[in-house]
Amino acid sequence: MSAGSPEERLAELGLTLPDVVPPVAAYLPAVRTGDHVYTSGQIPVVDGKLGVTGKVGAEVSAEEAKELASICALNAMAALKSVVGDLSKVVRIVKVVGFVASAPDFTGQPAVVNGASELLGEVFGDAGRHARSAVGVAALPLDAPVEVELIAEVR
């Protein structure tokens, strides 16, 4: 991985942080308490739209869902940055929780959530390595296939 700020690494990957996805209910996109930031669950909204809906293992392939999980992580990074101002203030991504709206027989949740984990590793290097849960669920808000939240330690 090359040196530079997390924002520079995003640019090297051809990515830019989107605007923070506005809440669809009564919550904040991210909250800082002490030296930790907790993001709300982020769904794969791009340009204000949820382009893909359905269950992974039925209407959505595992490969597509993995890409969607990386979009969720990008949205989570935008929410994180909205609270701390600069992703260089991230000391470590502590925990990622990924929810996968799953067809009844789908068991590949960890591979789907790798889309988020791998992007966080590319952007933050060793500081992007984290504890994680990958959970299959019956449904997610707006029929999203994937949702990702994270906890970050910041300075």
Protein backbone atom coordinates (compact mmCIF):
# COMPACT_ATOMS: atom_id res chain seq x y z
CA MET A 1 0.00 0.00 0.00
CA SER A 2 1.31 3.45 -0.82
CA ALA A 3 1.86 6.13 1.76
CA GLY A 4 -0.44 9.09 2.09
CA SER A 5 -3.64 10.05 3.75
CA PRO A 6 -6.73 7.85 3.62
CA GLU A 7 -8.25 10.41 1.23
CA GLU A 8 -5.21 10.08 -1.06
CA ARG A 9 -5.52 6.29 -0.99
CA LEU A 10 -9.21 6.59 -1.90
CA ALA A 11 -8.22 8.76 -4.88
CA GLU A 12 -5.60 6.18 -5.94
CA LEU A 13 -8.42 3.60 -5.92
CA GLY A 14 -10.47 5.90 -8.14
CA LEU A 15 -12.95 6.57 -5.34
CA THR A 16 -14.28 9.75 -3.79
CA LEU A 17 -16.25 10.02 -0.60
CA PRO A 18 -19.90 10.65 -1.33
CA ASP A 19 -22.10 13.11 0.49
CA VAL A 20 -23.35 11.66 3.76
CA VAL A 21 -26.48 9.63 3.15
CA PRO A 22 -29.34 11.43 4.90
CA PRO A 23 -31.06 9.39 7.63
CA VAL A 24 -34.29 7.66 6.61
CA ALA A 25 -35.58 7.79 10.21
CA ALA A 26 -34.82 9.45 13.57
CA TYR A 27 -31.06 8.98 13.98
CA LEU A 28 -27.70 10.58 13.18
CA PRO A 29 -25.36 9.19 10.50
CA ALA A 30 -22.49 9.08 13.03
CA VAL A 31 -21.86 9.99 16.65
CA ARG A 32 -18.59 10.66 18.43
CA THR A 33 -18.21 9.84 22.10
CA GLY A 34 -14.75 10.29 23.58
CA ASP A 35 -12.21 8.83 21.16
CA HIS A 36 -14.68 6.61 19.29
CA VAL A 37 -17.06 7.25 16.41
CA TYR A 38 -20.01 4.95 15.83
CA THR A 39 -21.67 5.08 12.44
CA SER A 40 -25.27 4.19 11.85
CA GLY A 41 -25.90 1.33 9.46
CA GLN A 42 -25.11 2.43 5.91
CA ILE A 43 -26.88 0.93 2.92
CA PRO A 44 -25.46 1.00 -0.64
CA VAL A 45 -26.96 4.33 -1.68
CA VAL A 46 -25.23 6.01 -4.65
CA ASP A 47 -26.21 9.52 -5.74
CA GLY A 48 -29.22 9.42 -3.43
CA LYS A 49 -30.55 6.15 -4.85
CA LEU A 50 -30.58 2.54 -3.75
CA GLY A 51 -29.89 0.96 -7.13
CA VAL A 52 -30.11 -2.69 -6.12
CA THR A 53 -32.70 -4.37 -3.91
CA GLY A 54 -33.50 -7.91 -2.90
CA LYS A 55 -32.08 -10.89 -1.08
CA VAL A 56 -28.53 -12.14 -1.53
CA GLY A 57 -28.59 -15.64 -2.90
CA ALA A 58 -31.87 -14.95 -4.72
CA GLU A 59 -32.24 -11.64 -6.63
CA VAL A 60 -28.68 -10.48 -5.84
CA SER A 61 -25.52 -12.53 -6.40
CA ALA A 62 -22.88 -12.87 -3.69
CA GLU A 63 -20.35 -11.13 -5.96
CA GLU A 64 -22.68 -8.19 -6.53
CA ALA A 65 -23.44 -8.02 -2.80
CA LYS A 66 -19.70 -7.88 -2.03
CA GLU A 67 -19.43 -4.80 -4.27
CA LEU A 68 -22.47 -3.30 -2.53
CA ALA A 69 -20.78 -3.87 0.85
CA SER A 70 -17.83 -1.80 -0.33
CA ILE A 71 -20.27 1.01 -1.23
CA CYS A 72 -21.71 0.72 2.29
CA ALA A 73 -18.18 1.08 3.70
CA LEU A 74 -17.58 4.14 1.53
CA ASN A 75 -20.80 5.66 2.89
CA ALA A 76 -19.69 4.79 6.43
CA MET A 77 -16.36 6.54 5.82
CA ALA A 78 -18.27 9.63 4.65
CA ALA A 79 -20.35 9.56 7.85
CA LEU A 80 -17.17 9.10 9.91
CA LYS A 81 -15.44 12.02 8.16
CA SER A 82 -18.51 14.23 8.73
CA VAL A 83 -17.86 13.93 12.47
CA VAL A 84 -14.05 14.13 12.60
CA GLY A 85 -13.35 16.35 9.57
CA ASP A 86 -10.41 14.34 8.22
CA LEU A 87 -9.95 10.58 7.84
CA SER A 88 -6.30 10.99 8.90
CA LYS A 89 -7.68 11.35 12.43
CA VAL A 90 -8.69 7.67 12.37
CA VAL A 91 -6.39 5.68 14.66
CA ARG A 92 -8.06 2.36 13.88
CA ILE A 93 -11.22 0.82 12.54
CA VAL A 94 -12.18 -1.17 15.63
CA LYS A 95 -15.29 -3.10 14.58
CA VAL A 96 -17.40 -3.66 11.49
CA VAL A 97 -20.86 -5.18 11.56
CA GLY A 98 -22.31 -6.28 8.24
CA PHE A 99 -25.91 -7.32 7.74
CA VAL A 100 -26.81 -9.33 4.66
CA ALA A 101 -30.46 -9.70 3.61
CA SER A 102 -30.22 -13.39 2.82
CA ALA A 103 -32.21 -15.97 0.93
CA PRO A 104 -33.11 -18.80 3.36
CA ASP A 105 -30.30 -21.10 2.15
CA PHE A 106 -27.59 -18.41 1.72
CA THR A 107 -24.60 -18.88 4.04
CA GLY A 108 -21.94 -16.70 2.40
CA GLN A 109 -22.35 -13.63 4.61
CA PRO A 110 -18.64 -13.43 5.54
CA ALA A 111 -17.57 -13.30 1.88
CA VAL A 112 -20.11 -10.54 1.19
CA VAL A 113 -18.96 -8.40 4.12
CA ASN A 114 -15.36 -8.83 2.91
CA GLY A 115 -16.27 -6.11 0.39
CA ALA A 116 -16.36 -3.63 3.26
CA SER A 117 -13.41 -5.11 5.16
CA GLU A 118 -11.12 -5.21 2.14
CA LEU A 119 -11.85 -1.58 1.21
CA LEU A 120 -11.20 -0.43 4.78
CA GLY A 121 -7.88 -2.29 4.70
CA GLU A 122 -6.92 -0.64 1.40
CA VAL A 123 -7.80 2.83 2.69
CA PHE A 124 -6.42 2.61 6.25
CA GLY A 125 -3.73 -0.08 5.96
CA ASP A 126 -3.07 -1.91 9.22
CA ALA A 127 -5.32 0.59 11.01
CA GLY A 128 -8.16 -0.75 8.85
CA ARG A 129 -7.86 -4.29 10.24
CA HIS A 130 -10.80 -4.83 12.57
CA ALA A 131 -13.00 -7.18 14.54
CA ARG A 132 -16.17 -8.05 12.64
CA SER A 133 -19.55 -9.70 12.59
CA ALA A 134 -21.32 -10.79 9.38
CA VAL A 135 -24.98 -11.48 10.03
CA GLY A 136 -27.69 -12.88 7.79
CA VAL A 137 -31.07 -11.21 8.23
CA ALA A 138 -34.54 -11.61 6.73
CA ALA A 139 -34.83 -8.02 5.46
CA LEU A 140 -33.12 -4.63 5.62
CA PRO A 141 -34.46 -1.07 5.30
CA LEU A 142 -35.75 -0.20 1.81
CA ASP A 143 -35.11 -3.84 0.78
CA ALA A 144 -31.35 -3.16 0.68
CA PRO A 145 -29.26 -6.30 0.18
CA VAL A 146 -26.48 -5.19 2.56
CA GLU A 147 -25.95 -2.78 5.46
CA VAL A 148 -22.64 -1.95 7.17
CA GLU A 149 -21.85 -0.06 10.35
CA LEU A 150 -18.49 0.60 11.95
CA ILE A 151 -16.79 1.79 15.09
CA ALA A 152 -13.58 3.80 14.72
CA GLU A 153 -11.04 5.01 17.25
CA VAL A 154 -10.04 8.60 16.46
CA ARG A 155 -7.70 11.24 17.78
